[in-house]
C-alpha atoms as a PDB file:
ATOM      1  CA  UNK A   1      -2.441 -95.405  18.420  1.00  0.00           C
ATOM      2  CA  UNK A   2      -3.555 -98.989  17.844  1.00  0.00           C
ATOM      3  CA  UNK A   3      -1.394-101.500  16.035  1.00  0.00           C
ATOM      4  CA  UNK A   4      -2.869-104.291  13.967  1.00  0.00           C
ATOM      5  CA  UNK A   5      -1.369-107.402  12.377  1.00  0.00           C
ATOM      6  CA  UNK A   6      -2.551-108.676   9.017  1.00  0.00           C
ATOM      7  CA  UNK A   7      -2.185-111.985   7.211  1.00  0.00           C
ATOM      8  CA  UNK A   8      -2.709-111.932   3.457  1.00  0.00           C
ATOM      9  CA  UNK A   9      -2.130-114.701   0.921  1.00  0.00           C
ATOM     10  CA  UNK A  10      -0.887-113.679  -2.541  1.00  0.00           C
ATOM     11  CA  UNK A  11      -0.333-115.764  -5.640  1.00  0.00           C
ATOM     12  CA  UNK A  12       2.840-115.458  -7.727  1.00  0.00           C
ATOM     13  CA  UNK A  13       1.404-112.869 -10.142  1.00  0.00           C
ATOM     14  CA  UNK A  14       0.134-110.720  -7.298  1.00  0.00           C
ATOM     15  CA  UNK A  15       3.525-110.780  -5.557  1.00  0.00           C
ATOM     16  CA  UNK A  16       5.313-109.774  -8.755  1.00  0.00           C
ATOM     17  CA  UNK A  17       2.881-106.869  -9.220  1.00  0.00           C
ATOM     18  CA  UNK A  18       3.148-105.835  -5.583  1.00  0.00           C
ATOM     19  CA  UNK A  19       6.954-105.891  -5.652  1.00  0.00           C
ATOM     20  CA  UNK A  20       6.927-103.758  -8.809  1.00  0.00           C
ATOM     21  CA  UNK A  21       4.465-101.303  -7.293  1.00  0.00           C
ATOM     22  CA  UNK A  22       6.511-101.005  -4.110  1.00  0.00           C
ATOM     23  CA  UNK A  23       9.688-100.429  -6.130  1.00  0.00           C
ATOM     24  CA  UNK A  24       7.939 -97.633  -8.037  1.00  0.00           C
ATOM     25  CA  UNK A  25       6.727 -96.167  -4.729  1.00  0.00           C
ATOM     26  CA  UNK A  26      10.258 -96.278  -3.319  1.00  0.00           C
ATOM     27  CA  UNK A  27      11.660 -94.546  -6.416  1.00  0.00           C
ATOM     28  CA  UNK A  28       8.920 -91.904  -6.334  1.00  0.00           C
ATOM     29  CA  UNK A  29       9.372 -91.157  -2.639  1.00  0.00           C
ATOM     30  CA  UNK A  30      13.149 -90.962  -2.977  1.00  0.00           C
ATOM     31  CA  UNK A  31      12.771 -88.528  -5.884  1.00  0.00           C
ATOM     32  CA  UNK A  32      10.445 -86.331  -3.821  1.00  0.00           C
ATOM     33  CA  UNK A  33      12.853 -86.399  -0.877  1.00  0.00           C
ATOM     34  CA  UNK A  34      15.740 -85.489  -3.204  1.00  0.00           C
ATOM     35  CA  UNK A  35      13.640 -82.524  -4.380  1.00  0.00           C
ATOM     36  CA  UNK A  36      13.347 -81.322  -0.794  1.00  0.00           C
ATOM     37  CA  UNK A  37       9.901 -82.642   0.064  1.00  0.00           C
ATOM     38  CA  UNK A  38       9.331 -84.146   3.506  1.00  0.00           C
ATOM     39  CA  UNK A  39       6.219 -85.759   4.895  1.00  0.00           C
ATOM     40  CA  UNK A  40       4.586 -87.998   3.886  1.00  0.00           C
ATOM     41  CA  UNK A  41       7.368 -89.221   1.577  1.00  0.00           C
ATOM     42  CA  UNK A  42       9.873 -90.168   4.273  1.00  0.00           C
ATOM     43  CA  UNK A  43       7.226 -92.270   6.048  1.00  0.00           C
ATOM     44  CA  UNK A  44       5.988 -93.887   2.825  1.00  0.00           C
ATOM     45  CA  UNK A  45       9.560 -94.656   1.771  1.00  0.00           C
ATOM     46  CA  UNK A  46      10.312 -96.368   5.058  1.00  0.00           C
ATOM     47  CA  UNK A  47       7.056 -98.351   5.014  1.00  0.00           C
ATOM     48  CA  UNK A  48       7.467 -99.452   1.390  1.00  0.00           C
ATOM     49  CA  UNK A  49      10.993-100.725   2.094  1.00  0.00           C
ATOM     50  CA  UNK A  50       9.792-102.658   5.152  1.00  0.00           C
ATOM     51  CA  UNK A  51       6.882-104.242   3.285  1.00  0.00           C
ATOM     52  CA  UNK A  52       9.195-105.250   0.431  1.00  0.00           C
ATOM     53  CA  UNK A  53      11.502-106.952   2.940  1.00  0.00           C
ATOM     54  CA  UNK A  54       8.578-108.759   4.563  1.00  0.00           C
ATOM     55  CA  UNK A  55       7.391-110.104   1.215  1.00  0.00           C
ATOM     56  CA  UNK A  56      10.631-112.049   0.880  1.00  0.00           C
ATOM     57  CA  UNK A  57      10.994-113.101   4.505  1.00  0.00           C
ATOM     58  CA  UNK A  58       8.130-115.535   5.104  1.00  0.00           C
ATOM     59  CA  UNK A  59       7.377-117.368   1.854  1.00  0.00           C
ATOM     60  CA  UNK A  60       5.518-120.668   2.082  1.00  0.00           C
ATOM     61  CA  UNK A  61       5.081-122.932  -0.941  1.00  0.00           C
ATOM     62  CA  UNK A  62       1.442-123.978  -1.064  1.00  0.00           C
ATOM     63  CA  UNK A  63       1.551-126.147  -4.159  1.00  0.00           C
ATOM     64  CA  UNK A  64       4.018-127.886  -6.371  1.00  0.00           C
ATOM     65  CA  UNK A  65       4.490-131.007  -8.368  1.00  0.00           C
ATOM     66  CA  UNK A  66       4.016-134.332  -6.742  1.00  0.00           C
ATOM     67  CA  UNK A  67       5.903-136.380  -9.322  1.00  0.00           C
ATOM     68  CA  UNK A  68       7.723-139.309  -7.915  1.00  0.00           C
ATOM     69  CA  UNK A  69      11.359-139.047  -8.997  1.00  0.00           C
ATOM     70  CA  UNK A  70      11.554-142.845  -9.339  1.00  0.00           C
ATOM     71  CA  UNK A  71       9.306-142.711 -12.417  1.00  0.00           C
ATOM     72  CA  UNK A  72      11.954-140.697 -14.254  1.00  0.00           C
ATOM     73  CA  UNK A  73      14.997-142.759 -13.296  1.00  0.00           C
ATOM     74  CA  UNK A  74      16.172-145.505 -15.621  1.00  0.00           C
ATOM     75  CA  UNK A  75      16.375-148.945 -14.118  1.00  0.00           C
END
């Protein structure tokens, strides 16, 4: 089986939605496993947890304010 690596850039709204969707997926898979189901729920549960961890592990700020703090300090 081949393994691929992907790089995707998300904005803040997309990350929030993706985290929510993954949390729902985790809850759903856990419920199915608790009900005695097996595949594919154990695999999906594991993958969803790993993706959720990865979303928090390599965050890069791509924009922000560029205000110079000196402008706000009293002389």
